[in-house]
Amino acid sequence: MVKLADKQKIVQTIGTANEAITKLQETVNSYEALGKTPPKEDRQLLDSIHRAITNLKQNPFAGQVVAHKLWPKEYKDLPNLFRMELSQFWRLLYYVAGDEIRIISVIFEIVDHPTYDKIFGYTGK
């Protein structure tokens, strides 16, 4: 049996997470191309996402496990569900898959806190 430390660790972004990263990177790049400083919030969030990806490359289980009873029905077919906190109360959602050789962290959502609350049915009480 291959130990976790010996497995190749891959981080993959898909769907809306990939779109969010691309859009954020384009925004930052467009400011920098004009010789301007990008908005502080955009730079912080992008740096926070990059740190999270780096952490997942080291430890695919670095995030917090989301209890199955809290999963929305759209996520019912996932093998597992983790979340990572990002700057400015954003959240990164991912699941972990793999085989004997590698472990893949699949990031599929990067959302702000109100959207995260809506996905999981949290309401202001």
C-alpha atoms as a PDB file:
ATOM      1  CA  MET A   1       0.000   0.000   0.000  1.00  0.00           C
ATOM      2  CA  VAL A   2       1.341   3.423  -1.003  1.00  0.00           C
ATOM      3  CA  LYS A   3       1.439   6.042   1.746  1.00  0.00           C
ATOM      4  CA  LEU A   4      -0.151   9.461   1.253  1.00  0.00           C
ATOM      5  CA  ALA A   5       3.272  11.107   1.394  1.00  0.00           C
ATOM      6  CA  ASP A   6       4.461   8.977  -1.527  1.00  0.00           C
ATOM      7  CA  LYS A   7       1.517   9.737  -3.815  1.00  0.00           C
ATOM      8  CA  GLN A   8       1.602  12.404  -6.499  1.00  0.00           C
ATOM      9  CA  LYS A   9      -0.624  15.312  -5.430  1.00  0.00           C
ATOM     10  CA  ILE A  10      -2.464  17.204  -8.149  1.00  0.00           C
ATOM     11  CA  VAL A  11      -4.750  20.218  -7.854  1.00  0.00           C
ATOM     12  CA  GLN A  12      -7.278  20.742 -10.625  1.00  0.00           C
ATOM     13  CA  THR A  13      -9.720  23.627 -10.990  1.00  0.00           C
ATOM     14  CA  ILE A  14     -12.926  23.121 -12.925  1.00  0.00           C
ATOM     15  CA  GLY A  15     -16.140  24.936 -13.782  1.00  0.00           C
ATOM     16  CA  THR A  16     -16.984  28.124 -11.957  1.00  0.00           C
ATOM     17  CA  ALA A  17     -13.813  27.928  -9.832  1.00  0.00           C
ATOM     18  CA  ASN A  18     -11.664  28.008 -12.947  1.00  0.00           C
ATOM     19  CA  GLU A  19     -13.739  30.892 -14.324  1.00  0.00           C
ATOM     20  CA  ALA A  20     -13.410  32.847 -11.059  1.00  0.00           C
ATOM     21  CA  ILE A  21      -9.625  32.445 -10.961  1.00  0.00           C
ATOM     22  CA  THR A  22      -9.286  33.386 -14.629  1.00  0.00           C
ATOM     23  CA  LYS A  23     -11.454  36.491 -14.224  1.00  0.00           C
ATOM     24  CA  LEU A  24      -9.599  37.600 -11.106  1.00  0.00           C
ATOM     25  CA  GLN A  25      -6.205  37.035 -12.750  1.00  0.00           C
ATOM     26  CA  GLU A  26      -7.297  38.992 -15.838  1.00  0.00           C
ATOM     27  CA  THR A  27      -8.452  41.900 -13.676  1.00  0.00           C
ATOM     28  CA  VAL A  28      -5.159  42.033 -11.784  1.00  0.00           C
ATOM     29  CA  ASN A  29      -3.129  41.669 -14.995  1.00  0.00           C
ATOM     30  CA  SER A  30      -5.053  44.441 -16.775  1.00  0.00           C
ATOM     31  CA  TYR A  31      -4.298  46.916 -13.962  1.00  0.00           C
ATOM     32  CA  GLU A  32      -0.651  45.900 -13.875  1.00  0.00           C
ATOM     33  CA  ALA A  33      -0.365  46.170 -17.688  1.00  0.00           C
ATOM     34  CA  LEU A  34      -1.448  49.796 -17.375  1.00  0.00           C
ATOM     35  CA  GLY A  35       1.142  50.389 -14.673  1.00  0.00           C
ATOM     36  CA  LYS A  36      -1.577  50.720 -12.048  1.00  0.00           C
ATOM     37  CA  THR A  37      -1.977  48.974  -8.731  1.00  0.00           C
ATOM     38  CA  PRO A  38      -4.793  46.408  -8.830  1.00  0.00           C
ATOM     39  CA  PRO A  39      -7.575  46.740  -6.254  1.00  0.00           C
ATOM     40  CA  LYS A  40      -6.262  45.537  -2.891  1.00  0.00           C
ATOM     41  CA  GLU A  41      -9.185  43.135  -2.429  1.00  0.00           C
ATOM     42  CA  ASP A  42      -8.593  41.457  -5.802  1.00  0.00           C
ATOM     43  CA  ARG A  43      -4.859  41.017  -5.141  1.00  0.00           C
ATOM     44  CA  GLN A  44      -5.512  39.639  -1.634  1.00  0.00           C
ATOM     45  CA  LEU A  45      -8.112  37.170  -2.868  1.00  0.00           C
ATOM     46  CA  LEU A  46      -5.928  35.984  -5.745  1.00  0.00           C
ATOM     47  CA  ASP A  47      -2.961  35.529  -3.395  1.00  0.00           C
ATOM     48  CA  SER A  48      -5.215  33.680  -0.954  1.00  0.00           C
ATOM     49  CA  ILE A  49      -6.368  31.301  -3.715  1.00  0.00           C
ATOM     50  CA  HIS A  50      -2.770  30.648  -4.771  1.00  0.00           C
ATOM     51  CA  ARG A  51      -1.825  29.883  -1.137  1.00  0.00           C
ATOM     52  CA  ALA A  52      -4.757  27.463  -0.864  1.00  0.00           C
ATOM     53  CA  ILE A  53      -3.673  25.673  -4.053  1.00  0.00           C
ATOM     54  CA  THR A  54      -0.108  25.431  -2.739  1.00  0.00           C
ATOM     55  CA  ASN A  55      -1.423  23.998   0.544  1.00  0.00           C
ATOM     56  CA  LEU A  56      -3.520  21.416  -1.318  1.00  0.00           C
ATOM     57  CA  LYS A  57      -0.464  20.340  -3.335  1.00  0.00           C
ATOM     58  CA  GLN A  58       1.210  19.537  -0.004  1.00  0.00           C
ATOM     59  CA  ASN A  59      -1.838  18.139   1.808  1.00  0.00           C
ATOM     60  CA  PRO A  60      -5.042  17.370  -0.136  1.00  0.00           C
ATOM     61  CA  PHE A  61      -6.916  17.152   3.169  1.00  0.00           C
ATOM     62  CA  ALA A  62      -5.861  20.612   4.406  1.00  0.00           C
ATOM     63  CA  GLY A  63      -9.411  21.996   4.308  1.00  0.00           C
ATOM     64  CA  GLN A  64     -12.271  21.347   6.689  1.00  0.00           C
ATOM     65  CA  VAL A  65     -14.544  18.395   5.990  1.00  0.00           C
ATOM     66  CA  VAL A  66     -18.143  19.443   5.322  1.00  0.00           C
ATOM     67  CA  ALA A  67     -20.538  17.094   7.126  1.00  0.00           C
ATOM     68  CA  HIS A  68     -22.578  15.083   4.613  1.00  0.00           C
ATOM     69  CA  LYS A  69     -25.861  16.134   6.206  1.00  0.00           C
ATOM     70  CA  LEU A  70     -25.064  19.751   5.244  1.00  0.00           C
ATOM     71  CA  TRP A  71     -24.466  19.038   1.547  1.00  0.00           C
ATOM     72  CA  PRO A  72     -26.955  20.528  -0.908  1.00  0.00           C
ATOM     73  CA  LYS A  73     -28.568  17.956  -3.190  1.00  0.00           C
ATOM     74  CA  GLU A  74     -26.513  19.212  -6.163  1.00  0.00           C
ATOM     75  CA  TYR A  75     -23.423  17.816  -4.417  1.00  0.00           C
ATOM     76  CA  LYS A  76     -24.869  14.406  -3.523  1.00  0.00           C
ATOM     77  CA  ASP A  77     -22.774  12.538  -6.107  1.00  0.00           C
ATOM     78  CA  LEU A  78     -19.443  13.885  -4.832  1.00  0.00           C
ATOM     79  CA  PRO A  79     -17.163  11.379  -3.079  1.00  0.00           C
ATOM     80  CA  ASN A  80     -16.448  13.883  -0.268  1.00  0.00           C
ATOM     81  CA  LEU A  81     -16.531  17.628   0.309  1.00  0.00           C
ATOM     82  CA  PHE A  82     -14.041  20.030   1.838  1.00  0.00           C
ATOM     83  CA  ARG A  83     -13.943  23.789   2.258  1.00  0.00           C
ATOM     84  CA  MET A  84     -11.104  26.218   2.760  1.00  0.00           C
ATOM     85  CA  GLU A  85     -11.457  29.735   4.034  1.00  0.00           C
ATOM     86  CA  LEU A  86      -9.971  32.424   1.829  1.00  0.00           C
ATOM     87  CA  SER A  87      -9.410  36.114   2.492  1.00  0.00           C
ATOM     88  CA  GLN A  88     -12.413  38.431   2.824  1.00  0.00           C
ATOM     89  CA  PHE A  89     -14.671  35.559   3.939  1.00  0.00           C
ATOM     90  CA  TRP A  90     -14.553  33.821   0.552  1.00  0.00           C
ATOM     91  CA  ARG A  91     -14.698  30.018   0.460  1.00  0.00           C
ATOM     92  CA  LEU A  92     -13.066  27.434  -1.772  1.00  0.00           C
ATOM     93  CA  LEU A  93     -14.969  24.146  -2.176  1.00  0.00           C
ATOM     94  CA  TYR A  94     -13.271  20.985  -3.361  1.00  0.00           C
ATOM     95  CA  TYR A  95     -13.364  17.218  -3.261  1.00  0.00           C
ATOM     96  CA  VAL A  96     -10.576  14.670  -3.228  1.00  0.00           C
ATOM     97  CA  ALA A  97     -10.305  11.716  -5.607  1.00  0.00           C
ATOM     98  CA  GLY A  98      -7.452   9.447  -6.516  1.00  0.00           C
ATOM     99  CA  ASP A  99      -5.977   6.023  -6.942  1.00  0.00           C
ATOM    100  CA  GLU A 100      -2.894   4.109  -5.785  1.00  0.00           C
ATOM    101  CA  ILE A 101      -0.533   6.534  -7.528  1.00  0.00           C
ATOM    102  CA  ARG A 102      -2.017  10.007  -7.138  1.00  0.00           C
ATOM    103  CA  ILE A 103      -4.454  12.148  -5.222  1.00  0.00           C
ATOM    104  CA  ILE A 104      -6.373  14.864  -7.028  1.00  0.00           C
ATOM    105  CA  SER A 105      -7.934  17.829  -5.238  1.00  0.00           C
ATOM    106  CA  VAL A 106     -10.686  19.101  -7.518  1.00  0.00           C
ATOM    107  CA  ILE A 107     -11.627  22.717  -6.813  1.00  0.00           C
ATOM    108  CA  PHE A 108     -15.077  23.368  -8.239  1.00  0.00           C
ATOM    109  CA  GLU A 109     -16.357  26.487  -6.434  1.00  0.00           C
ATOM    110  CA  ILE A 110     -14.836  29.737  -5.205  1.00  0.00           C
ATOM    111  CA  VAL A 111     -17.567  31.866  -3.686  1.00  0.00           C
ATOM    112  CA  ASP A 112     -18.126  34.861  -1.464  1.00  0.00           C
ATOM    113  CA  HIS A 113     -19.697  34.371   1.944  1.00  0.00           C
ATOM    114  CA  PRO A 114     -23.300  35.260   0.978  1.00  0.00           C
ATOM    115  CA  THR A 115     -23.171  32.784  -1.927  1.00  0.00           C
ATOM    116  CA  TYR A 116     -21.660  30.138   0.348  1.00  0.00           C
ATOM    117  CA  ASP A 117     -24.488  30.698   2.840  1.00  0.00           C
ATOM    118  CA  LYS A 118     -27.042  30.361   0.050  1.00  0.00           C
ATOM    119  CA  ILE A 119     -25.497  27.106  -1.267  1.00  0.00           C
ATOM    120  CA  PHE A 120     -25.680  25.516   2.173  1.00  0.00           C
ATOM    121  CA  GLY A 121     -29.030  27.034   3.129  1.00  0.00           C
ATOM    122  CA  TYR A 122     -27.755  29.202   5.946  1.00  0.00           C
ATOM    123  CA  THR A 123     -29.918  32.152   6.799  1.00  0.00           C
ATOM    124  CA  GLY A 124     -29.378  35.142   9.044  1.00  0.00           C
ATOM    125  CA  LYS A 125     -31.180  34.278  12.253  1.00  0.00           C
END
